[in-house]
Amino acid sequence: MSCYLSSADAINALATYWDTMANRGCRSSRQSLERAKFLAERAWSGRDDFTAAVNDAALLIRQEGSTRSAAFALLMHANIRSVAARYPGDSEMTQTGPEYSKPQPLEIISYWIQTKQTGKIVGILNSFEYQSSNSDDWKTTTAYQICEQIRGFLLDEMLQSAGDDANLSASFEAPEDPRETHMNRVLAEINSRAVK
């Protein structure tokens, strides 16, 4: 399995999408970050200290300047840790350039959301998670929780886009297989013919 540092644009796309979607409806990106911090701490230590998560999130937002920048920093740090775990002692693999220093929100993300092209985010997310899962504690990081929130936002969008076609209940009836329907029709026709 190879591993590399994701591009600043890929990480920024995830952070921008997360921040945009976390600020919709009754939720806020600050609350989403606090929840991610809380769930990561619970996964790491088993502690249920939401006050500590709120304080950690507030400190990180102050340090980074915004919730989007905080998400970017968390995602980038998790990716760097993964690459370092995969290639220990190879500092060239984890070097970042100036493009990783507080990038601006990506406007293309708003366009993708408006035009229902967020499937592109799925590919970016899958690639990022693949590149960031080499450290043993990946599933106990706040970055992992942010990725889980992104996955939830994408699923919500998909369900909204499906409109009336979305069956939100637990029941499901599979449509008939056209091959089976055709075969049944042919067999019925053959069986209905008179035998000579």
N, C-alpha and C. Protein backbone atom coordinates (compact mmCIF):
# COMPACT_ATOMS: atom_id res chain seq x y z
N MET A 1 0.84 -1.18 0.00
CA MET A 1 0.00 0.00 0.00
C MET A 1 0.88 1.24 0.00
N SER A 2 0.68 2.10 -0.97
CA SER A 2 1.45 3.34 -1.02
C SER A 2 0.71 4.41 -0.23
N CYS A 3 1.42 5.43 0.13
CA CYS A 3 0.84 6.51 0.91
C CYS A 3 1.55 7.80 0.53
N TYR A 4 0.82 8.87 0.40
CA TYR A 4 1.43 10.15 0.09
C TYR A 4 0.63 11.27 0.74
N LEU A 5 1.23 12.42 0.79
CA LEU A 5 0.57 13.59 1.33
C LEU A 5 -0.44 14.11 0.32
N SER A 6 -1.68 14.23 0.74
CA SER A 6 -2.72 14.75 -0.14
C SER A 6 -2.40 16.20 -0.49
N SER A 7 -2.88 16.63 -1.65
CA SER A 7 -2.61 18.01 -2.06
C SER A 7 -3.35 18.98 -1.15
N ALA A 8 -2.83 20.19 -1.08
CA ALA A 8 -3.47 21.23 -0.29
C ALA A 8 -4.88 21.50 -0.81
N ASP A 9 -5.05 21.42 -2.15
CA ASP A 9 -6.38 21.64 -2.73
C ASP A 9 -7.37 20.56 -2.30
N ALA A 10 -6.92 19.31 -2.25
CA ALA A 10 -7.80 18.22 -1.84
C ALA A 10 -8.23 18.39 -0.39
N ILE A 11 -7.27 18.69 0.48
CA ILE A 11 -7.59 18.89 1.90
C ILE A 11 -8.49 20.12 2.06
N ASN A 12 -8.19 21.17 1.31
CA ASN A 12 -8.99 22.39 1.38
C ASN A 12 -10.40 22.15 0.86
N ALA A 13 -10.54 21.31 -0.17
CA ALA A 13 -11.88 20.99 -0.69
C ALA A 13 -12.71 20.32 0.40
N LEU A 14 -12.11 19.39 1.12
CA LEU A 14 -12.82 18.72 2.20
C LEU A 14 -13.17 19.69 3.32
N ALA A 15 -12.21 20.52 3.70
CA ALA A 15 -12.45 21.49 4.78
C ALA A 15 -13.52 22.50 4.38
N THR A 16 -13.49 22.97 3.13
CA THR A 16 -14.47 23.94 2.65
C THR A 16 -15.86 23.31 2.60
N TYR A 17 -15.94 22.09 2.08
CA TYR A 17 -17.23 21.40 2.01
C TYR A 17 -17.78 21.17 3.42
N TRP A 18 -16.92 20.67 4.32
CA TRP A 18 -17.34 20.43 5.70
C TRP A 18 -17.88 21.71 6.33
N ASP A 19 -17.13 22.80 6.20
CA ASP A 19 -17.53 24.06 6.82
C ASP A 19 -18.84 24.57 6.24
N THR A 20 -19.00 24.47 4.93
CA THR A 20 -20.23 24.94 4.27
C THR A 20 -21.42 24.13 4.75
N MET A 21 -21.29 22.81 4.74
CA MET A 21 -22.42 21.95 5.09
C MET A 21 -22.70 21.96 6.59
N ALA A 22 -21.68 22.16 7.39
CA ALA A 22 -21.86 22.19 8.84
C ALA A 22 -22.57 23.45 9.30
N ASN A 23 -22.63 24.46 8.44
CA ASN A 23 -23.28 25.73 8.77
C ASN A 23 -24.66 25.84 8.13
N ARG A 24 -25.32 24.73 7.92
CA ARG A 24 -26.66 24.74 7.33
C ARG A 24 -27.70 24.33 8.36
N GLY A 25 -28.89 24.85 8.16
CA GLY A 25 -29.99 24.48 9.05
C GLY A 25 -29.76 24.99 10.45
N CYS A 26 -30.03 24.15 11.41
CA CYS A 26 -29.91 24.54 12.83
C CYS A 26 -28.53 24.27 13.40
N ARG A 27 -27.62 23.78 12.58
CA ARG A 27 -26.29 23.44 13.10
C ARG A 27 -25.26 24.50 12.70
N SER A 28 -24.12 24.44 13.35
CA SER A 28 -23.02 25.34 13.02
C SER A 28 -21.73 24.53 12.94
N SER A 29 -20.76 25.08 12.24
CA SER A 29 -19.49 24.37 12.11
C SER A 29 -18.77 24.29 13.47
N ARG A 30 -18.97 25.28 14.31
CA ARG A 30 -18.37 25.24 15.65
C ARG A 30 -18.95 24.05 16.42
N GLN A 31 -20.27 23.86 16.38
CA GLN A 31 -20.89 22.73 17.06
C GLN A 31 -20.42 21.40 16.46
N SER A 32 -20.27 21.37 15.15
CA SER A 32 -19.81 20.14 14.49
C SER A 32 -18.37 19.82 14.90
N LEU A 33 -17.54 20.85 15.02
CA LEU A 33 -16.16 20.63 15.46
C LEU A 33 -16.12 20.16 16.91
N GLU A 34 -16.96 20.78 17.75
CA GLU A 34 -17.03 20.35 19.15
C GLU A 34 -17.45 18.88 19.24
N ARG A 35 -18.43 18.50 18.44
CA ARG A 35 -18.89 17.10 18.45
C ARG A 35 -17.78 16.16 17.95
N ALA A 36 -17.07 16.57 16.91
CA ALA A 36 -15.97 15.75 16.39
C ALA A 36 -14.89 15.58 17.46
N LYS A 37 -14.57 16.66 18.15
CA LYS A 37 -13.57 16.59 19.23
C LYS A 37 -14.05 15.65 20.34
N PHE A 38 -15.32 15.77 20.71
CA PHE A 38 -15.89 14.94 21.77
C PHE A 38 -15.83 13.46 21.38
N LEU A 39 -16.28 13.13 20.16
CA LEU A 39 -16.30 11.72 19.74
C LEU A 39 -14.88 11.15 19.60
N ALA A 40 -13.95 11.97 19.16
CA ALA A 40 -12.56 11.51 19.05
C ALA A 40 -11.98 11.22 20.43
N GLU A 41 -12.23 12.09 21.38
CA GLU A 41 -11.74 11.88 22.75
C GLU A 41 -12.38 10.64 23.37
N ARG A 42 -13.67 10.46 23.12
CA ARG A 42 -14.36 9.28 23.63
C ARG A 42 -13.74 8.00 23.03
N ALA A 43 -13.46 8.03 21.73
CA ALA A 43 -12.85 6.87 21.07
C ALA A 43 -11.44 6.62 21.60
N TRP A 44 -10.72 7.68 21.90
CA TRP A 44 -9.33 7.56 22.36
C TRP A 44 -9.24 7.11 23.81
N SER A 45 -10.01 7.77 24.68
CA SER A 45 -9.82 7.53 26.11
C SER A 45 -11.04 6.94 26.82
N GLY A 46 -12.18 6.98 26.14
CA GLY A 46 -13.40 6.51 26.78
C GLY A 46 -14.06 7.57 27.64
N ARG A 47 -13.47 8.77 27.72
CA ARG A 47 -14.02 9.85 28.54
C ARG A 47 -15.22 10.49 27.86
N ASP A 48 -16.17 10.96 28.65
CA ASP A 48 -17.33 11.68 28.15
C ASP A 48 -17.31 13.10 28.72
N ASP A 49 -16.37 13.90 28.26
CA ASP A 49 -16.21 15.26 28.79
C ASP A 49 -16.46 16.26 27.66
N PHE A 50 -17.73 16.64 27.52
CA PHE A 50 -18.08 17.55 26.43
C PHE A 50 -17.52 18.94 26.67
N THR A 51 -17.39 19.34 27.92
CA THR A 51 -16.83 20.66 28.24
C THR A 51 -15.39 20.76 27.74
N ALA A 52 -14.62 19.71 27.91
CA ALA A 52 -13.23 19.71 27.42
C ALA A 52 -13.21 19.81 25.90
N ALA A 53 -14.14 19.12 25.23
CA ALA A 53 -14.21 19.18 23.77
C ALA A 53 -14.55 20.59 23.29
N VAL A 54 -15.47 21.24 23.98
CA VAL A 54 -15.84 22.63 23.65
C VAL A 54 -14.63 23.55 23.81
N ASN A 55 -13.90 23.38 24.91
CA ASN A 55 -12.72 24.21 25.16
C ASN A 55 -11.62 23.95 24.13
N ASP A 56 -11.40 22.67 23.79
CA ASP A 56 -10.39 22.32 22.78
C ASP A 56 -10.74 22.92 21.42
N ALA A 57 -12.02 22.84 21.07
CA ALA A 57 -12.47 23.38 19.78
C ALA A 57 -12.29 24.90 19.75
N ALA A 58 -12.65 25.56 20.84
CA ALA A 58 -12.52 27.02 20.91
C ALA A 58 -11.06 27.45 20.77
N LEU A 59 -10.16 26.73 21.45
CA LEU A 59 -8.73 27.03 21.36
C LEU A 59 -8.22 26.83 19.93
N LEU A 60 -8.61 25.74 19.31
CA LEU A 60 -8.17 25.47 17.95
C LEU A 60 -8.69 26.51 16.97
N ILE A 61 -9.93 26.92 17.13
CA ILE A 61 -10.49 27.96 16.25
C ILE A 61 -9.75 29.27 16.43
N ARG A 62 -9.43 29.62 17.68
CA ARG A 62 -8.66 30.85 17.93
C ARG A 62 -7.28 30.77 17.29
N GLN A 63 -6.63 29.62 17.40
CA GLN A 63 -5.29 29.45 16.83
C GLN A 63 -5.31 29.53 15.31
N GLU A 64 -6.31 28.91 14.70
CA GLU A 64 -6.36 28.82 13.24
C GLU A 64 -7.11 29.96 12.57
N GLY A 65 -7.98 30.64 13.31
CA GLY A 65 -8.67 31.80 12.77
C GLY A 65 -10.09 31.55 12.30
N SER A 66 -10.47 30.30 12.01
CA SER A 66 -11.83 29.97 11.59
C SER A 66 -12.04 28.47 11.75
N THR A 67 -13.30 28.06 11.69
CA THR A 67 -13.58 26.63 11.78
C THR A 67 -13.07 25.90 10.54
N ARG A 68 -13.16 26.53 9.37
CA ARG A 68 -12.65 25.89 8.14
C ARG A 68 -11.15 25.68 8.23
N SER A 69 -10.44 26.71 8.70
CA SER A 69 -8.99 26.58 8.86
C SER A 69 -8.64 25.54 9.90
N ALA A 70 -9.45 25.44 10.96
CA ALA A 70 -9.22 24.42 11.99
C ALA A 70 -9.40 23.03 11.39
N ALA A 71 -10.45 22.84 10.59
CA ALA A 71 -10.68 21.55 9.94
C ALA A 71 -9.53 21.23 8.99
N PHE A 72 -9.08 22.23 8.24
CA PHE A 72 -7.95 22.02 7.32
C PHE A 72 -6.72 21.55 8.11
N ALA A 73 -6.43 22.22 9.21
CA ALA A 73 -5.25 21.87 10.01
C ALA A 73 -5.36 20.45 10.58
N LEU A 74 -6.53 20.09 11.06
CA LEU A 74 -6.73 18.74 11.60
C LEU A 74 -6.57 17.67 10.52
N LEU A 75 -7.15 17.92 9.35
CA LEU A 75 -7.04 16.96 8.25
C LEU A 75 -5.59 16.84 7.78
N MET A 76 -4.92 17.98 7.62
CA MET A 76 -3.54 17.96 7.17
C MET A 76 -2.65 17.23 8.18
N HIS A 77 -2.83 17.52 9.47
CA HIS A 77 -2.02 16.88 10.51
C HIS A 77 -2.22 15.36 10.49
N ALA A 78 -3.47 14.91 10.33
CA ALA A 78 -3.75 13.47 10.29
C ALA A 78 -3.08 12.83 9.07
N ASN A 79 -3.09 13.53 7.95
CA ASN A 79 -2.46 13.00 6.74
C ASN A 79 -0.94 12.93 6.90
N ILE A 80 -0.35 13.94 7.50
CA ILE A 80 1.09 13.95 7.74
C ILE A 80 1.47 12.80 8.69
N ARG A 81 0.69 12.60 9.75
CA ARG A 81 0.96 11.50 10.69
C ARG A 81 0.89 10.14 10.00
N SER A 82 -0.06 10.00 9.09
CA SER A 82 -0.21 8.74 8.37
C SER A 82 0.99 8.46 7.48
N VAL A 83 1.43 9.49 6.76
CA VAL A 83 2.59 9.34 5.88
C VAL A 83 3.84 9.04 6.73
N ALA A 84 3.98 9.73 7.85
CA ALA A 84 5.13 9.48 8.74
C ALA A 84 5.09 8.06 9.30
N ALA A 85 3.90 7.55 9.58
CA ALA A 85 3.79 6.18 10.08
C ALA A 85 4.14 5.17 8.98
N ARG A 86 3.80 5.48 7.76
CA ARG A 86 4.07 4.57 6.64
C ARG A 86 5.54 4.60 6.25
N TYR A 87 6.14 5.80 6.30
CA TYR A 87 7.55 5.98 5.93
C TYR A 87 8.31 6.62 7.08
N PRO A 88 8.55 5.89 8.17
CA PRO A 88 9.21 6.49 9.34
C PRO A 88 10.62 6.98 8.99
N GLY A 89 10.92 8.17 9.46
CA GLY A 89 12.25 8.75 9.26
C GLY A 89 12.46 9.41 7.91
N ASP A 90 11.47 9.38 7.02
CA ASP A 90 11.61 10.00 5.70
C ASP A 90 10.89 11.34 5.71
N SER A 91 11.59 12.38 6.16
CA SER A 91 10.98 13.69 6.33
C SER A 91 10.57 14.33 5.01
N GLU A 92 11.18 13.92 3.91
CA GLU A 92 10.80 14.49 2.61
C GLU A 92 9.37 14.15 2.24
N MET A 93 8.88 13.01 2.70
CA MET A 93 7.52 12.57 2.37
C MET A 93 6.46 13.43 3.05
N THR A 94 6.82 14.10 4.14
CA THR A 94 5.83 14.88 4.89
C THR A 94 6.04 16.38 4.78
N GLN A 95 6.91 16.81 3.90
CA GLN A 95 7.16 18.25 3.76
C GLN A 95 5.98 18.92 3.07
N THR A 96 5.60 20.06 3.62
CA THR A 96 4.53 20.86 3.03
C THR A 96 5.12 22.16 2.52
N GLY A 97 4.45 22.72 1.53
CA GLY A 97 4.89 23.99 0.97
C GLY A 97 3.99 25.12 1.44
N PRO A 98 4.18 26.31 0.87
CA PRO A 98 3.39 27.46 1.29
C PRO A 98 1.89 27.31 0.99
N GLU A 99 1.54 26.45 0.03
CA GLU A 99 0.13 26.26 -0.32
C GLU A 99 -0.66 25.61 0.83
N TYR A 100 0.04 25.00 1.79
CA TYR A 100 -0.60 24.38 2.93
C TYR A 100 -0.81 25.37 4.08
N SER A 101 -0.36 26.59 3.92
CA SER A 101 -0.45 27.58 4.97
C SER A 101 -1.69 28.45 4.78
N LYS A 102 -2.74 28.13 5.52
CA LYS A 102 -3.98 28.91 5.56
C LYS A 102 -4.54 29.23 4.17
N PRO A 103 -4.87 28.22 3.37
CA PRO A 103 -5.46 28.50 2.06
C PRO A 103 -6.86 29.08 2.18
N GLN A 104 -7.26 29.81 1.17
CA GLN A 104 -8.59 30.43 1.13
C GLN A 104 -9.64 29.38 0.79
N PRO A 105 -10.91 29.62 1.18
CA PRO A 105 -11.97 28.67 0.82
C PRO A 105 -12.05 28.51 -0.70
N LEU A 106 -12.36 27.31 -1.14
CA LEU A 106 -12.46 27.04 -2.57
C LEU A 106 -13.88 27.34 -3.06
N GLU A 107 -13.99 28.30 -3.97
CA GLU A 107 -15.30 28.70 -4.49
C GLU A 107 -15.96 27.58 -5.29
N ILE A 108 -15.17 26.70 -5.89
CA ILE A 108 -15.73 25.62 -6.71
C ILE A 108 -16.62 24.71 -5.88
N ILE A 109 -16.37 24.63 -4.59
CA ILE A 109 -17.18 23.78 -3.72
C ILE A 109 -18.61 24.29 -3.66
N SER A 110 -18.79 25.60 -3.56
CA SER A 110 -20.15 26.17 -3.57
C SER A 110 -20.85 25.85 -4.88
N TYR A 111 -20.10 25.94 -5.98
CA TYR A 111 -20.67 25.62 -7.30
C TYR A 111 -21.09 24.15 -7.36
N TRP A 112 -20.24 23.26 -6.85
CA TRP A 112 -20.60 21.83 -6.85
C TRP A 112 -21.84 21.58 -6.02
N ILE A 113 -21.96 22.26 -4.89
CA ILE A 113 -23.14 22.09 -4.04
C ILE A 113 -24.38 22.59 -4.76
N GLN A 114 -24.29 23.78 -5.36
CA GLN A 114 -25.44 24.36 -6.05
C GLN A 114 -25.88 23.54 -7.25
N THR A 115 -24.93 22.95 -7.96
CA THR A 115 -25.26 22.21 -9.18
C THR A 115 -25.35 20.70 -8.93
N LYS A 116 -25.38 20.32 -7.66
CA LYS A 116 -25.52 18.91 -7.26
C LYS A 116 -24.45 18.02 -7.88
N GLN A 117 -23.21 18.49 -7.82
CA GLN A 117 -22.06 17.74 -8.31
C GLN A 117 -21.13 17.31 -7.17
N THR A 118 -21.71 17.12 -5.99
CA THR A 118 -20.88 16.80 -4.83
C THR A 118 -20.36 15.36 -4.86
N GLY A 119 -20.74 14.60 -5.86
CA GLY A 119 -20.14 13.28 -6.02
C GLY A 119 -18.64 13.37 -6.16
N LYS A 120 -18.16 14.52 -6.63
CA LYS A 120 -16.71 14.72 -6.75
C LYS A 120 -16.04 14.72 -5.37
N ILE A 121 -16.79 15.18 -4.37
CA ILE A 121 -16.27 15.18 -2.99
C ILE A 121 -16.06 13.75 -2.52
N VAL A 122 -16.92 12.83 -2.95
CA VAL A 122 -16.81 11.43 -2.54
C VAL A 122 -15.43 10.88 -2.92
N GLY A 123 -15.00 11.14 -4.15
CA GLY A 123 -13.69 10.66 -4.60
C GLY A 123 -12.55 11.29 -3.81
N ILE A 124 -12.66 12.58 -3.55
CA ILE A 124 -11.63 13.28 -2.76
C ILE A 124 -11.58 12.71 -1.35
N LEU A 125 -12.76 12.49 -0.76
CA LEU A 125 -12.82 11.94 0.60
C LEU A 125 -12.24 10.53 0.65
N ASN A 126 -12.62 9.68 -0.29
CA ASN A 126 -12.10 8.31 -0.31
C ASN A 126 -10.58 8.29 -0.43
N SER A 127 -10.05 9.12 -1.32
CA SER A 127 -8.61 9.18 -1.51
C SER A 127 -7.92 9.69 -0.25
N PHE A 128 -8.47 10.75 0.34
CA PHE A 128 -7.88 11.31 1.54
C PHE A 128 -7.86 10.28 2.67
N GLU A 129 -8.98 9.60 2.87
CA GLU A 129 -9.03 8.62 3.96
C GLU A 129 -8.05 7.48 3.73
N TYR A 130 -7.89 7.07 2.49
CA TYR A 130 -6.92 6.02 2.17
C TYR A 130 -5.52 6.48 2.54
N GLN A 131 -5.21 7.74 2.25
CA GLN A 131 -3.88 8.28 2.52
C GLN A 131 -3.66 8.61 3.99
N SER A 132 -4.74 8.68 4.76
CA SER A 132 -4.62 9.13 6.15
C SER A 132 -4.84 8.02 7.17
N SER A 133 -5.03 6.81 6.73
CA SER A 133 -5.40 5.74 7.66
C SER A 133 -4.23 4.84 8.07
N ASN A 134 -2.99 5.24 7.79
CA ASN A 134 -1.83 4.41 8.12
C ASN A 134 -1.40 4.48 9.58
N SER A 135 -1.80 5.51 10.29
CA SER A 135 -1.43 5.58 11.71
C SER A 135 -2.40 4.70 12.50
N ASP A 136 -1.89 4.09 13.54
CA ASP A 136 -2.69 3.14 14.32
C ASP A 136 -3.91 3.78 14.97
N ASP A 137 -3.83 5.07 15.24
CA ASP A 137 -4.93 5.73 15.95
C ASP A 137 -5.85 6.54 15.04
N TRP A 138 -5.85 6.27 13.75
CA TRP A 138 -6.65 7.04 12.79
C TRP A 138 -8.10 7.17 13.23
N LYS A 139 -8.72 6.09 13.66
CA LYS A 139 -10.15 6.13 14.00
C LYS A 139 -10.43 6.81 15.33
N THR A 140 -9.41 7.25 16.02
CA THR A 140 -9.61 7.99 17.27
C THR A 140 -9.24 9.47 17.10
N THR A 141 -9.08 9.92 15.86
CA THR A 141 -8.70 11.32 15.62
C THR A 141 -9.92 12.17 15.30
N THR A 142 -9.76 13.45 15.55
CA THR A 142 -10.82 14.40 15.19
C THR A 142 -10.96 14.46 13.67
N ALA A 143 -9.87 14.29 12.95
CA ALA A 143 -9.93 14.29 11.48
C ALA A 143 -10.84 13.16 10.98
N TYR A 144 -10.74 12.00 11.60
CA TYR A 144 -11.61 10.87 11.23
C TYR A 144 -13.07 11.25 11.46
N GLN A 145 -13.36 11.90 12.58
CA GLN A 145 -14.73 12.31 12.88
C GLN A 145 -15.22 13.35 11.88
N ILE A 146 -14.34 14.25 11.44
CA ILE A 146 -14.72 15.22 10.42
C ILE A 146 -15.05 14.50 9.12
N CYS A 147 -14.27 13.50 8.76
CA CYS A 147 -14.55 12.71 7.55
C CYS A 147 -15.89 12.00 7.67
N GLU A 148 -16.20 11.50 8.86
CA GLU A 148 -17.50 10.86 9.08
C GLU A 148 -18.64 11.86 8.92
N GLN A 149 -18.43 13.09 9.41
CA GLN A 149 -19.45 14.13 9.24
C GLN A 149 -19.63 14.47 7.77
N ILE A 150 -18.53 14.55 7.03
CA ILE A 150 -18.62 14.83 5.58
C ILE A 150 -19.43 13.73 4.90
N ARG A 151 -19.15 12.48 5.26
CA ARG A 151 -19.90 11.35 4.69
C ARG A 151 -21.40 11.50 4.99
N GLY A 152 -21.73 11.91 6.20
CA GLY A 152 -23.13 12.14 6.56
C GLY A 152 -23.76 13.27 5.76
N PHE A 153 -23.01 14.36 5.55
CA PHE A 153 -23.53 15.46 4.75
C PHE A 153 -23.79 15.01 3.31
N LEU A 154 -22.88 14.22 2.77
CA LEU A 154 -23.04 13.71 1.40
C LEU A 154 -24.27 12.82 1.29
N LEU A 155 -24.50 11.98 2.29
CA LEU A 155 -25.67 11.12 2.29
C LEU A 155 -26.94 11.94 2.38
N ASP A 156 -26.95 12.96 3.24
CA ASP A 156 -28.12 13.85 3.35
C ASP A 156 -28.43 14.51 2.02
N GLU A 157 -27.38 14.99 1.34
CA GLU A 157 -27.56 15.62 0.03
C GLU A 157 -28.14 14.65 -0.99
N MET A 158 -27.62 13.42 -0.97
CA MET A 158 -28.11 12.42 -1.91
C MET A 158 -29.59 12.15 -1.67
N LEU A 159 -29.99 12.03 -0.42
CA LEU A 159 -31.40 11.78 -0.11
C LEU A 159 -32.28 12.96 -0.51
N GLN A 160 -31.79 14.18 -0.31
CA GLN A 160 -32.56 15.36 -0.72
C GLN A 160 -32.70 15.42 -2.24
N SER A 161 -31.63 15.05 -2.94
CA SER A 161 -31.66 15.08 -4.40
C SER A 161 -32.61 14.03 -4.96
N ALA A 162 -32.78 12.92 -4.24
CA ALA A 162 -33.65 11.85 -4.71
C ALA A 162 -35.12 12.25 -4.65
N GLY A 163 -35.43 13.22 -3.79
CA GLY A 163 -36.80 13.72 -3.70
C GLY A 163 -37.78 12.63 -3.36
N ASP A 164 -38.87 12.54 -4.15
CA ASP A 164 -39.92 11.56 -3.89
C ASP A 164 -39.46 10.13 -4.13
N ASP A 165 -38.35 9.96 -4.87
CA ASP A 165 -37.84 8.62 -5.13
C ASP A 165 -37.16 8.01 -3.91
N ALA A 166 -36.85 8.85 -2.93
CA ALA A 166 -36.15 8.35 -1.74
C ALA A 166 -37.15 7.68 -0.82
N ASN A 167 -36.95 6.42 -0.56
CA ASN A 167 -37.78 5.69 0.38
C ASN A 167 -37.05 5.73 1.71
N LEU A 168 -37.54 6.56 2.60
CA LEU A 168 -36.84 6.77 3.86
C LEU A 168 -37.24 5.78 4.94
N SER A 169 -38.09 4.82 4.60
CA SER A 169 -38.47 3.82 5.59
C SER A 169 -37.60 2.58 5.45
N ALA A 170 -37.81 1.63 6.36
CA ALA A 170 -36.99 0.43 6.35
C ALA A 170 -37.48 -0.61 5.36
N SER A 171 -38.68 -0.44 4.80
CA SER A 171 -39.17 -1.43 3.84
C SER A 171 -38.65 -1.13 2.45
N PHE A 172 -38.55 -2.17 1.65
CA PHE A 172 -38.05 -2.03 0.29
C PHE A 172 -38.55 -3.19 -0.54
N GLU A 173 -39.03 -2.89 -1.72
CA GLU A 173 -39.41 -3.93 -2.66
C GLU A 173 -38.56 -3.77 -3.90
N ALA A 174 -37.83 -4.80 -4.21
CA ALA A 174 -36.95 -4.74 -5.37
C ALA A 174 -37.79 -4.74 -6.64
N PRO A 175 -37.40 -3.95 -7.64
CA PRO A 175 -38.12 -4.00 -8.91
C PRO A 175 -37.91 -5.35 -9.56
N GLU A 176 -38.85 -5.71 -10.42
CA GLU A 176 -38.72 -7.00 -11.10
C GLU A 176 -37.52 -6.98 -12.03
N ASP A 177 -36.86 -8.12 -12.07
CA ASP A 177 -35.72 -8.28 -12.97
C ASP A 177 -36.28 -8.44 -14.39
N PRO A 178 -35.94 -7.55 -15.31
CA PRO A 178 -36.51 -7.63 -16.66
C PRO A 178 -36.15 -8.94 -17.37
N ARG A 179 -35.02 -9.51 -17.05
CA ARG A 179 -34.65 -10.79 -17.68
C ARG A 179 -35.59 -11.89 -17.22
N GLU A 180 -35.90 -11.91 -15.92
CA GLU A 180 -36.81 -12.92 -15.39
C GLU A 180 -38.21 -12.73 -15.93
N THR A 181 -38.66 -11.48 -16.00
CA THR A 181 -39.98 -11.18 -16.55
C THR A 181 -40.08 -11.64 -17.99
N HIS A 182 -39.08 -11.38 -18.78
CA HIS A 182 -39.07 -11.79 -20.18
C HIS A 182 -39.07 -13.32 -20.30
N MET A 183 -38.25 -13.97 -19.48
CA MET A 183 -38.18 -15.43 -19.50
C MET A 183 -39.52 -16.04 -19.13
N ASN A 184 -40.19 -15.49 -18.11
CA ASN A 184 -41.51 -15.99 -17.72
C ASN A 184 -42.52 -15.83 -18.83
N ARG A 185 -42.46 -14.71 -19.54
CA ARG A 185 -43.38 -14.47 -20.65
C ARG A 185 -43.14 -15.47 -21.78
N VAL A 186 -41.87 -15.72 -22.12
CA VAL A 186 -41.53 -16.68 -23.18
C VAL A 186 -41.98 -18.08 -22.79
N LEU A 187 -41.73 -18.47 -21.55
CA LEU A 187 -42.15 -19.80 -21.10
C LEU A 187 -43.66 -19.95 -21.10
N ALA A 188 -44.37 -18.90 -20.69
CA ALA A 188 -45.84 -18.95 -20.71
C ALA A 188 -46.35 -19.10 -22.14
N GLU A 189 -45.71 -18.40 -23.06
CA GLU A 189 -46.12 -18.49 -24.47
C GLU A 189 -45.86 -19.89 -25.01
N ILE A 190 -44.72 -20.46 -24.71
CA ILE A 190 -44.37 -21.80 -25.17
C ILE A 190 -45.35 -22.83 -24.57
N ASN A 191 -45.64 -22.69 -23.28
CA ASN A 191 -46.52 -23.64 -22.61
C ASN A 191 -47.97 -23.53 -23.09
N SER A 192 -48.35 -22.37 -23.62
CA SER A 192 -49.74 -22.19 -24.05
C SER A 192 -49.98 -22.70 -25.47
N ARG A 193 -48.96 -23.05 -26.20
CA ARG A 193 -49.12 -23.55 -27.57
C ARG A 193 -49.68 -24.98 -27.53
N ALA A 194 -50.47 -25.21 -28.50
CA ALA A 194 -51.05 -26.57 -28.62
C ALA A 194 -49.97 -27.53 -29.07
N VAL A 195 -50.03 -28.73 -28.53
CA VAL A 195 -49.08 -29.77 -28.90
C VAL A 195 -49.63 -30.51 -30.12
N LYS A 196 -48.85 -30.68 -31.19
CA LYS A 196 -49.31 -31.34 -32.41
C LYS A 196 -48.88 -32.76 -32.46
